[in-house]
C-alpha atoms as a PDB file:
ATOM      1  CA  UNK A   1     -11.321 -14.265  32.713  1.00  0.00           C
ATOM      2  CA  UNK A   2     -10.478 -17.938  33.098  1.00  0.00           C
ATOM      3  CA  UNK A   3     -10.556 -19.409  36.586  1.00  0.00           C
ATOM      4  CA  UNK A   4      -8.400 -22.405  37.591  1.00  0.00           C
ATOM      5  CA  UNK A   5      -9.226 -25.060  40.162  1.00  0.00           C
ATOM      6  CA  UNK A   6      -7.577 -28.124  41.608  1.00  0.00           C
ATOM      7  CA  UNK A   7     -10.461 -30.392  42.518  1.00  0.00           C
ATOM      8  CA  UNK A   8      -9.330 -33.961  41.919  1.00  0.00           C
ATOM      9  CA  UNK A   9     -10.577 -36.329  39.269  1.00  0.00           C
ATOM     10  CA  UNK A  10     -13.188 -35.074  36.817  1.00  0.00           C
ATOM     11  CA  UNK A  11     -15.525 -37.976  37.526  1.00  0.00           C
ATOM     12  CA  UNK A  12     -15.749 -36.907  41.150  1.00  0.00           C
ATOM     13  CA  UNK A  13     -16.344 -33.341  40.071  1.00  0.00           C
ATOM     14  CA  UNK A  14     -19.121 -34.404  37.760  1.00  0.00           C
ATOM     15  CA  UNK A  15     -20.786 -36.539  40.433  1.00  0.00           C
ATOM     16  CA  UNK A  16     -20.601 -33.673  42.891  1.00  0.00           C
ATOM     17  CA  UNK A  17     -22.318 -31.217  40.541  1.00  0.00           C
ATOM     18  CA  UNK A  18     -24.984 -33.684  39.469  1.00  0.00           C
ATOM     19  CA  UNK A  19     -25.890 -34.430  43.066  1.00  0.00           C
ATOM     20  CA  UNK A  20     -25.874 -30.744  43.944  1.00  0.00           C
ATOM     21  CA  UNK A  21     -27.986 -29.609  40.980  1.00  0.00           C
ATOM     22  CA  UNK A  22     -29.181 -32.360  38.618  1.00  0.00           C
ATOM     23  CA  UNK A  23     -31.204 -29.948  36.476  1.00  0.00           C
ATOM     24  CA  UNK A  24     -27.963 -28.220  35.489  1.00  0.00           C
ATOM     25  CA  UNK A  25     -27.293 -31.039  33.030  1.00  0.00           C
ATOM     26  CA  UNK A  26     -30.765 -31.563  31.603  1.00  0.00           C
ATOM     27  CA  UNK A  27     -31.155 -30.934  27.898  1.00  0.00           C
ATOM     28  CA  UNK A  28     -32.890 -27.574  27.554  1.00  0.00           C
ATOM     29  CA  UNK A  29     -35.210 -26.415  24.808  1.00  0.00           C
ATOM     30  CA  UNK A  30     -32.998 -25.498  21.860  1.00  0.00           C
ATOM     31  CA  UNK A  31     -34.422 -21.978  21.658  1.00  0.00           C
ATOM     32  CA  UNK A  32     -33.346 -21.280  25.229  1.00  0.00           C
ATOM     33  CA  UNK A  33     -30.146 -23.318  25.292  1.00  0.00           C
ATOM     34  CA  UNK A  34     -27.290 -21.367  26.816  1.00  0.00           C
ATOM     35  CA  UNK A  35     -23.629 -21.228  25.786  1.00  0.00           C
ATOM     36  CA  UNK A  36     -21.446 -24.013  27.138  1.00  0.00           C
ATOM     37  CA  UNK A  37     -18.143 -23.860  28.976  1.00  0.00           C
ATOM     38  CA  UNK A  38     -15.615 -26.535  29.841  1.00  0.00           C
ATOM     39  CA  UNK A  39     -14.190 -27.169  33.280  1.00  0.00           C
ATOM     40  CA  UNK A  40     -10.937 -28.635  32.010  1.00  0.00           C
ATOM     41  CA  UNK A  41      -7.812 -30.102  33.580  1.00  0.00           C
ATOM     42  CA  UNK A  42      -4.960 -28.314  31.820  1.00  0.00           C
ATOM     43  CA  UNK A  43      -2.653 -31.268  31.204  1.00  0.00           C
ATOM     44  CA  UNK A  44      -5.241 -34.025  30.851  1.00  0.00           C
ATOM     45  CA  UNK A  45      -7.882 -34.605  28.197  1.00  0.00           C
ATOM     46  CA  UNK A  46     -10.696 -34.502  30.760  1.00  0.00           C
ATOM     47  CA  UNK A  47     -13.396 -31.882  30.923  1.00  0.00           C
ATOM     48  CA  UNK A  48     -16.990 -31.226  31.922  1.00  0.00           C
ATOM     49  CA  UNK A  49     -19.478 -29.105  29.969  1.00  0.00           C
ATOM     50  CA  UNK A  50     -21.554 -26.555  31.902  1.00  0.00           C
ATOM     51  CA  UNK A  51     -23.874 -23.679  31.009  1.00  0.00           C
ATOM     52  CA  UNK A  52     -22.745 -20.059  31.073  1.00  0.00           C
ATOM     53  CA  UNK A  53     -25.283 -19.138  33.730  1.00  0.00           C
ATOM     54  CA  UNK A  54     -23.786 -21.724  36.094  1.00  0.00           C
ATOM     55  CA  UNK A  55     -20.139 -20.608  35.851  1.00  0.00           C
ATOM     56  CA  UNK A  56     -20.343 -18.019  38.646  1.00  0.00           C
ATOM     57  CA  UNK A  57     -22.312 -20.379  40.881  1.00  0.00           C
ATOM     58  CA  UNK A  58     -19.815 -23.207  40.350  1.00  0.00           C
ATOM     59  CA  UNK A  59     -16.889 -20.861  40.993  1.00  0.00           C
ATOM     60  CA  UNK A  60     -18.396 -19.719  44.285  1.00  0.00           C
ATOM     61  CA  UNK A  61     -19.264 -23.275  45.264  1.00  0.00           C
ATOM     62  CA  UNK A  62     -15.787 -24.633  44.573  1.00  0.00           C
ATOM     63  CA  UNK A  63     -14.015 -21.768  46.283  1.00  0.00           C
ATOM     64  CA  UNK A  64     -16.155 -22.322  49.351  1.00  0.00           C
ATOM     65  CA  UNK A  65     -14.997 -25.941  49.684  1.00  0.00           C
ATOM     66  CA  UNK A  66     -12.470 -26.304  52.533  1.00  0.00           C
ATOM     67  CA  UNK A  67      -9.029 -27.661  51.720  1.00  0.00           C
ATOM     68  CA  UNK A  68      -9.192 -26.565  48.080  1.00  0.00           C
ATOM     69  CA  UNK A  69      -5.538 -26.251  46.834  1.00  0.00           C
ATOM     70  CA  UNK A  70      -4.188 -23.168  45.067  1.00  0.00           C
ATOM     71  CA  UNK A  71      -5.859 -23.633  41.726  1.00  0.00           C
ATOM     72  CA  UNK A  72      -3.205 -24.719  39.264  1.00  0.00           C
ATOM     73  CA  UNK A  73      -4.768 -27.606  37.391  1.00  0.00           C
ATOM     74  CA  UNK A  74      -8.352 -26.686  36.535  1.00  0.00           C
ATOM     75  CA  UNK A  75      -9.757 -23.878  34.462  1.00  0.00           C
ATOM     76  CA  UNK A  76     -13.100 -22.851  32.972  1.00  0.00           C
ATOM     77  CA  UNK A  77     -12.847 -22.170  29.257  1.00  0.00           C
ATOM     78  CA  UNK A  78     -15.203 -21.439  26.361  1.00  0.00           C
ATOM     79  CA  UNK A  79     -15.944 -24.085  23.731  1.00  0.00           C
ATOM     80  CA  UNK A  80     -14.913 -21.949  20.782  1.00  0.00           C
ATOM     81  CA  UNK A  81     -15.639 -22.704  17.154  1.00  0.00           C
ATOM     82  CA  UNK A  82     -11.970 -22.557  16.237  1.00  0.00           C
ATOM     83  CA  UNK A  83     -11.154 -25.252  18.825  1.00  0.00           C
ATOM     84  CA  UNK A  84     -13.788 -27.825  17.907  1.00  0.00           C
ATOM     85  CA  UNK A  85     -11.539 -30.065  15.887  1.00  0.00           C
ATOM     86  CA  UNK A  86      -8.166 -29.620  17.547  1.00  0.00           C
ATOM     87  CA  UNK A  87      -6.929 -31.133  20.753  1.00  0.00           C
ATOM     88  CA  UNK A  88      -8.567 -29.365  23.671  1.00  0.00           C
ATOM     89  CA  UNK A  89      -5.452 -30.087  25.711  1.00  0.00           C
ATOM     90  CA  UNK A  90      -3.671 -27.301  23.842  1.00  0.00           C
ATOM     91  CA  UNK A  91      -6.573 -25.130  22.736  1.00  0.00           C
ATOM     92  CA  UNK A  92      -6.426 -22.607  25.566  1.00  0.00           C
ATOM     93  CA  UNK A  93      -2.994 -21.378  26.559  1.00  0.00           C
ATOM     94  CA  UNK A  94      -3.834 -17.715  27.173  1.00  0.00           C
ATOM     95  CA  UNK A  95      -3.700 -16.477  30.738  1.00  0.00           C
ATOM     96  CA  UNK A  96      -6.725 -14.288  30.121  1.00  0.00           C
ATOM     97  CA  UNK A  97      -9.245 -16.174  27.921  1.00  0.00           C
ATOM     98  CA  UNK A  98     -12.483 -14.344  27.250  1.00  0.00           C
ATOM     99  CA  UNK A  99     -15.943 -15.860  27.205  1.00  0.00           C
ATOM    100  CA  UNK A 100     -17.740 -15.649  23.881  1.00  0.00           C
ATOM    101  CA  UNK A 101     -21.241 -16.602  22.855  1.00  0.00           C
ATOM    102  CA  UNK A 102     -21.767 -20.030  21.297  1.00  0.00           C
ATOM    103  CA  UNK A 103     -24.988 -20.351  19.362  1.00  0.00           C
ATOM    104  CA  UNK A 104     -24.765 -23.884  18.076  1.00  0.00           C
ATOM    105  CA  UNK A 105     -24.846 -27.073  20.111  1.00  0.00           C
ATOM    106  CA  UNK A 106     -22.086 -28.799  18.174  1.00  0.00           C
ATOM    107  CA  UNK A 107     -20.289 -31.886  19.532  1.00  0.00           C
ATOM    108  CA  UNK A 108     -16.705 -31.234  20.573  1.00  0.00           C
ATOM    109  CA  UNK A 109     -14.106 -33.386  18.820  1.00  0.00           C
ATOM    110  CA  UNK A 110     -10.969 -34.092  20.826  1.00  0.00           C
ATOM    111  CA  UNK A 111      -8.869 -34.372  17.656  1.00  0.00           C
ATOM    112  CA  UNK A 112      -8.843 -33.075  14.109  1.00  0.00           C
ATOM    113  CA  UNK A 113     -11.230 -34.787  11.698  1.00  0.00           C
ATOM    114  CA  UNK A 114     -10.447 -35.154   8.015  1.00  0.00           C
ATOM    115  CA  UNK A 115     -14.098 -35.898   7.227  1.00  0.00           C
ATOM    116  CA  UNK A 116     -16.336 -33.949   9.612  1.00  0.00           C
ATOM    117  CA  UNK A 117     -16.926 -30.245   9.135  1.00  0.00           C
ATOM    118  CA  UNK A 118     -19.078 -27.918  11.215  1.00  0.00           C
ATOM    119  CA  UNK A 119     -22.187 -28.348   9.076  1.00  0.00           C
ATOM    120  CA  UNK A 120     -21.914 -32.142   9.435  1.00  0.00           C
ATOM    121  CA  UNK A 121     -21.688 -31.837  13.211  1.00  0.00           C
ATOM    122  CA  UNK A 122     -24.556 -29.376  13.412  1.00  0.00           C
ATOM    123  CA  UNK A 123     -26.905 -31.733  11.590  1.00  0.00           C
ATOM    124  CA  UNK A 124     -25.782 -34.854  13.431  1.00  0.00           C
ATOM    125  CA  UNK A 125     -26.048 -33.222  16.865  1.00  0.00           C
ATOM    126  CA  UNK A 126     -29.834 -32.970  16.748  1.00  0.00           C
ATOM    127  CA  UNK A 127     -30.121 -36.725  16.174  1.00  0.00           C
ATOM    128  CA  UNK A 128     -27.691 -37.866  18.865  1.00  0.00           C
ATOM    129  CA  UNK A 129     -29.288 -39.473  21.935  1.00  0.00           C
ATOM    130  CA  UNK A 130     -29.414 -37.391  25.105  1.00  0.00           C
ATOM    131  CA  UNK A 131     -26.823 -39.573  26.839  1.00  0.00           C
ATOM    132  CA  UNK A 132     -24.147 -38.337  24.420  1.00  0.00           C
ATOM    133  CA  UNK A 133     -24.852 -34.638  24.977  1.00  0.00           C
ATOM    134  CA  UNK A 134     -22.205 -32.621  26.761  1.00  0.00           C
ATOM    135  CA  UNK A 135     -19.366 -35.082  26.216  1.00  0.00           C
ATOM    136  CA  UNK A 136     -16.426 -34.697  23.817  1.00  0.00           C
ATOM    137  CA  UNK A 137     -15.940 -37.208  20.998  1.00  0.00           C
ATOM    138  CA  UNK A 138     -12.687 -39.137  20.721  1.00  0.00           C
ATOM    139  CA  UNK A 139     -11.248 -40.625  17.537  1.00  0.00           C
ATOM    140  CA  UNK A 140     -10.802 -44.380  17.951  1.00  0.00           C
ATOM    141  CA  UNK A 141     -10.159 -45.409  14.364  1.00  0.00           C
ATOM    142  CA  UNK A 142      -9.101 -43.711  11.148  1.00  0.00           C
ATOM    143  CA  UNK A 143      -7.905 -45.194   7.877  1.00  0.00           C
ATOM    144  CA  UNK A 144      -5.416 -42.338   7.579  1.00  0.00           C
ATOM    145  CA  UNK A 145      -3.850 -43.260  10.930  1.00  0.00           C
ATOM    146  CA  UNK A 146      -4.449 -46.981  11.438  1.00  0.00           C
ATOM    147  CA  UNK A 147      -4.649 -48.311   7.872  1.00  0.00           C
ATOM    148  CA  UNK A 148      -7.510 -50.082   6.120  1.00  0.00           C
ATOM    149  CA  UNK A 149      -8.403 -53.071   8.255  1.00  0.00           C
ATOM    150  CA  UNK A 150     -11.687 -54.141   9.791  1.00  0.00           C
ATOM    151  CA  UNK A 151      -9.731 -56.301  12.219  1.00  0.00           C
ATOM    152  CA  UNK A 152      -7.870 -53.230  13.483  1.00  0.00           C
ATOM    153  CA  UNK A 153     -11.146 -51.357  13.783  1.00  0.00           C
ATOM    154  CA  UNK A 154     -12.511 -54.111  16.042  1.00  0.00           C
ATOM    155  CA  UNK A 155      -9.276 -54.209  18.036  1.00  0.00           C
ATOM    156  CA  UNK A 156      -9.349 -50.465  18.680  1.00  0.00           C
ATOM    157  CA  UNK A 157     -12.861 -50.757  20.093  1.00  0.00           C
ATOM    158  CA  UNK A 158     -12.152 -53.671  22.405  1.00  0.00           C
ATOM    159  CA  UNK A 159     -13.182 -52.701  25.911  1.00  0.00           C
ATOM    160  CA  UNK A 160     -15.303 -49.731  24.843  1.00  0.00           C
ATOM    161  CA  UNK A 161     -18.758 -49.403  26.339  1.00  0.00           C
ATOM    162  CA  UNK A 162     -20.086 -46.337  24.553  1.00  0.00           C
ATOM    163  CA  UNK A 163     -21.852 -45.478  21.286  1.00  0.00           C
ATOM    164  CA  UNK A 164     -19.829 -44.853  18.144  1.00  0.00           C
ATOM    165  CA  UNK A 165     -20.143 -42.678  15.069  1.00  0.00           C
ATOM    166  CA  UNK A 166     -18.942 -44.147  11.756  1.00  0.00           C
ATOM    167  CA  UNK A 167     -18.185 -41.585   9.037  1.00  0.00           C
ATOM    168  CA  UNK A 168     -17.278 -42.491   5.455  1.00  0.00           C
ATOM    169  CA  UNK A 169     -16.262 -40.475   2.409  1.00  0.00           C
ATOM    170  CA  UNK A 170     -16.281 -42.369  -0.867  1.00  0.00           C
ATOM    171  CA  UNK A 171     -14.424 -41.768  -4.112  1.00  0.00           C
ATOM    172  CA  UNK A 172     -17.319 -39.611  -5.305  1.00  0.00           C
ATOM    173  CA  UNK A 173     -16.778 -37.325  -2.276  1.00  0.00           C
ATOM    174  CA  UNK A 174     -20.082 -38.292  -0.680  1.00  0.00           C
ATOM    175  CA  UNK A 175     -20.154 -38.297   3.134  1.00  0.00           C
ATOM    176  CA  UNK A 176     -22.374 -40.767   4.970  1.00  0.00           C
ATOM    177  CA  UNK A 177     -22.290 -43.318   7.754  1.00  0.00           C
ATOM    178  CA  UNK A 178     -24.001 -44.596  10.869  1.00  0.00           C
ATOM    179  CA  UNK A 179     -24.465 -43.960  14.554  1.00  0.00           C
ATOM    180  CA  UNK A 180     -24.354 -47.204  16.533  1.00  0.00           C
ATOM    181  CA  UNK A 181     -25.601 -47.471  20.100  1.00  0.00           C
ATOM    182  CA  UNK A 182     -22.799 -49.979  20.770  1.00  0.00           C
ATOM    183  CA  UNK A 183     -19.171 -50.221  19.607  1.00  0.00           C
ATOM    184  CA  UNK A 184     -18.495 -52.464  16.640  1.00  0.00           C
ATOM    185  CA  UNK A 185     -17.431 -56.008  17.442  1.00  0.00           C
ATOM    186  CA  UNK A 186     -17.542 -59.543  16.071  1.00  0.00           C
ATOM    187  CA  UNK A 187     -20.783 -61.267  17.013  1.00  0.00           C
ATOM    188  CA  UNK A 188     -22.846 -64.234  15.907  1.00  0.00           C
ATOM    189  CA  UNK A 189     -26.017 -62.221  16.405  1.00  0.00           C
ATOM    190  CA  UNK A 190     -27.145 -58.688  15.700  1.00  0.00           C
ATOM    191  CA  UNK A 191     -26.700 -56.132  18.452  1.00  0.00           C
ATOM    192  CA  UNK A 192     -27.660 -52.529  19.121  1.00  0.00           C
ATOM    193  CA  UNK A 193     -30.793 -50.584  19.995  1.00  0.00           C
ATOM    194  CA  UNK A 194     -33.255 -48.222  18.362  1.00  0.00           C
ATOM    195  CA  UNK A 195     -30.830 -45.341  18.945  1.00  0.00           C
ATOM    196  CA  UNK A 196     -28.862 -46.645  15.953  1.00  0.00           C
ATOM    197  CA  UNK A 197     -29.415 -44.751  12.708  1.00  0.00           C
ATOM    198  CA  UNK A 198     -27.955 -44.234   9.243  1.00  0.00           C
ATOM    199  CA  UNK A 199     -27.237 -40.829   7.735  1.00  0.00           C
ATOM    200  CA  UNK A 200     -26.068 -39.235   4.525  1.00  0.00           C
ATOM    201  CA  UNK A 201     -25.095 -35.847   3.110  1.00  0.00           C
ATOM    202  CA  UNK A 202     -26.081 -36.366  -0.485  1.00  0.00           C
ATOM    203  CA  UNK A 203     -25.811 -33.396  -0.592  1.00  0.00           C
ATOM    204  CA  UNK A 204     -28.497 -32.477   1.961  1.00  0.00           C
ATOM    205  CA  UNK A 205     -28.507 -34.137   5.341  1.00  0.00           C
ATOM    206  CA  UNK A 206     -30.838 -37.083   5.831  1.00  0.00           C
ATOM    207  CA  UNK A 207     -31.100 -39.322   8.895  1.00  0.00           C
ATOM    208  CA  UNK A 208     -32.747 -42.742   8.705  1.00  0.00           C
ATOM    209  CA  UNK A 209     -33.991 -43.891  12.074  1.00  0.00           C
ATOM    210  CA  UNK A 210     -35.185 -47.299  13.165  1.00  0.00           C
ATOM    211  CA  UNK A 211     -38.376 -48.313  11.380  1.00  0.00           C
ATOM    212  CA  UNK A 212     -39.362 -50.873  14.027  1.00  0.00           C
ATOM    213  CA  UNK A 213     -39.723 -53.543  11.355  1.00  0.00           C
ATOM    214  CA  UNK A 214     -36.794 -55.640  12.605  1.00  0.00           C
ATOM    215  CA  UNK A 215     -33.834 -55.393  14.986  1.00  0.00           C
ATOM    216  CA  UNK A 216     -30.982 -56.089  12.573  1.00  0.00           C
ATOM    217  CA  UNK A 217     -29.064 -53.056  13.762  1.00  0.00           C
ATOM    218  CA  UNK A 218     -25.413 -54.144  13.598  1.00  0.00           C
ATOM    219  CA  UNK A 219     -23.569 -57.386  12.984  1.00  0.00           C
ATOM    220  CA  UNK A 220     -19.879 -57.960  12.494  1.00  0.00           C
ATOM    221  CA  UNK A 221     -17.563 -60.716  11.357  1.00  0.00           C
ATOM    222  CA  UNK A 222     -13.915 -60.898  10.322  1.00  0.00           C
ATOM    223  CA  UNK A 223     -15.044 -60.621   6.713  1.00  0.00           C
ATOM    224  CA  UNK A 224     -17.475 -57.715   6.871  1.00  0.00           C
ATOM    225  CA  UNK A 225     -19.475 -55.219   8.901  1.00  0.00           C
ATOM    226  CA  UNK A 226     -23.232 -54.827   8.355  1.00  0.00           C
ATOM    227  CA  UNK A 227     -25.551 -52.074   9.603  1.00  0.00           C
ATOM    228  CA  UNK A 228     -29.254 -52.564   8.968  1.00  0.00           C
ATOM    229  CA  UNK A 229     -30.639 -55.537   7.095  1.00  0.00           C
ATOM    230  CA  UNK A 230     -33.499 -57.762   6.082  1.00  0.00           C
ATOM    231  CA  UNK A 231     -34.343 -59.548   2.873  1.00  0.00           C
ATOM    232  CA  UNK A 232     -30.680 -60.131   2.108  1.00  0.00           C
ATOM    233  CA  UNK A 233     -29.900 -56.417   1.729  1.00  0.00           C
ATOM    234  CA  UNK A 234     -27.879 -54.186   4.038  1.00  0.00           C
ATOM    235  CA  UNK A 235     -28.286 -50.504   4.757  1.00  0.00           C
ATOM    236  CA  UNK A 236     -24.495 -50.268   4.956  1.00  0.00           C
ATOM    237  CA  UNK A 237     -21.929 -52.992   4.256  1.00  0.00           C
ATOM    238  CA  UNK A 238     -18.130 -52.841   4.423  1.00  0.00           C
ATOM    239  CA  UNK A 239     -15.576 -55.484   3.496  1.00  0.00           C
ATOM    240  CA  UNK A 240     -12.632 -56.742   5.563  1.00  0.00           C
ATOM    241  CA  UNK A 241     -10.255 -54.213   3.981  1.00  0.00           C
ATOM    242  CA  UNK A 242     -12.616 -51.278   4.530  1.00  0.00           C
ATOM    243  CA  UNK A 243     -12.137 -50.512   0.855  1.00  0.00           C
ATOM    244  CA  UNK A 244     -15.269 -51.755  -0.863  1.00  0.00           C
ATOM    245  CA  UNK A 245     -18.733 -51.082   0.460  1.00  0.00           C
ATOM    246  CA  UNK A 246     -22.363 -50.991  -0.546  1.00  0.00           C
ATOM    247  CA  UNK A 247     -25.570 -49.362   0.603  1.00  0.00           C
ATOM    248  CA  UNK A 248     -29.092 -50.496  -0.234  1.00  0.00           C
ATOM    249  CA  UNK A 249     -32.520 -49.783   1.137  1.00  0.00           C
ATOM    250  CA  UNK A 250     -33.225 -52.106   4.070  1.00  0.00           C
ATOM    251  CA  UNK A 251     -36.245 -52.819   6.299  1.00  0.00           C
ATOM    252  CA  UNK A 252     -34.412 -51.826   9.505  1.00  0.00           C
ATOM    253  CA  UNK A 253     -34.224 -48.146   8.544  1.00  0.00           C
ATOM    254  CA  UNK A 254     -36.287 -47.817   5.346  1.00  0.00           C
ATOM    255  CA  UNK A 255     -33.353 -45.814   4.036  1.00  0.00           C
ATOM    256  CA  UNK A 256     -32.439 -44.692   0.583  1.00  0.00           C
ATOM    257  CA  UNK A 257     -28.952 -45.750  -0.591  1.00  0.00           C
ATOM    258  CA  UNK A 258     -26.522 -43.572   1.322  1.00  0.00           C
ATOM    259  CA  UNK A 259     -24.298 -42.701  -1.635  1.00  0.00           C
ATOM    260  CA  UNK A 260     -24.990 -41.899  -5.261  1.00  0.00           C
ATOM    261  CA  UNK A 261     -23.799 -45.415  -6.145  1.00  0.00           C
ATOM    262  CA  UNK A 262     -25.002 -48.537  -4.339  1.00  0.00           C
ATOM    263  CA  UNK A 263     -21.483 -49.974  -4.600  1.00  0.00           C
ATOM    264  CA  UNK A 264     -18.743 -47.579  -3.575  1.00  0.00           C
ATOM    265  CA  UNK A 265     -15.015 -47.371  -2.852  1.00  0.00           C
ATOM    266  CA  UNK A 266     -13.956 -45.922   0.481  1.00  0.00           C
ATOM    267  CA  UNK A 267     -11.644 -42.913   0.351  1.00  0.00           C
ATOM    268  CA  UNK A 268     -11.778 -41.965   4.029  1.00  0.00           C
ATOM    269  CA  UNK A 269     -13.239 -43.576   7.139  1.00  0.00           C
ATOM    270  CA  UNK A 270     -13.302 -42.536  10.786  1.00  0.00           C
ATOM    271  CA  UNK A 271     -14.957 -43.888  13.929  1.00  0.00           C
ATOM    272  CA  UNK A 272     -15.601 -41.630  16.925  1.00  0.00           C
ATOM    273  CA  UNK A 273     -16.825 -42.489  20.399  1.00  0.00           C
ATOM    274  CA  UNK A 274     -18.159 -40.529  23.350  1.00  0.00           C
ATOM    275  CA  UNK A 275     -15.412 -39.857  25.861  1.00  0.00           C
ATOM    276  CA  UNK A 276     -16.759 -39.984  29.421  1.00  0.00           C
END
């Protein structure tokens, strides 16, 4: 049965639990990882992921806090497979939700994705840095919604201070992209860290991590976006219209071309960011 709480802002809730039991949020061994639940504010897109074994403890702890109002805003819900790519603000309306087992540690998307399916998320999850675990992913740019413009992509990321996931589908229906440790922006110099990587599903999943050979992770201008480089070749390159792109092997990631064609035409493109 779902339990509702009114406990103030989610950031304060998170800080409280971390201080009370920091090990609750450590990344466990995958074989022993437990199902996850969300402590969610019903009418706001804010939530906190916790383990199943901690639900009863958290309930008791919260109910023992003096001055706790009559529990109308907060509830503990299950991260269900059928709710991964729809808005979590409307995913649980039942007055009596039941807990179910979740066997895969798949990132939660706050909105529907036209490009990412469960098998994409499952493969990508194991390569995401620990600091992204347990947080939902928010769509910040989509060609289908915002149009094809690199300038708009930069504008939508202004003010962000979190990693981003770029996902592309080309005209040959190949899905590939990049995880960047920093949001995309215009810069005279390369930026990013060794968390940045390229990936492809061509058709099997392949991740290309930092080789250590150079630090040409990401660079952006009004004319193009580059990810990975060296020797005049880019691991992933996109033009100002986000229509034409190319992918070549580069020293930064020692990657194979991400698509079946080194030059490709973009059919779909999305950028997601961690929502904290």
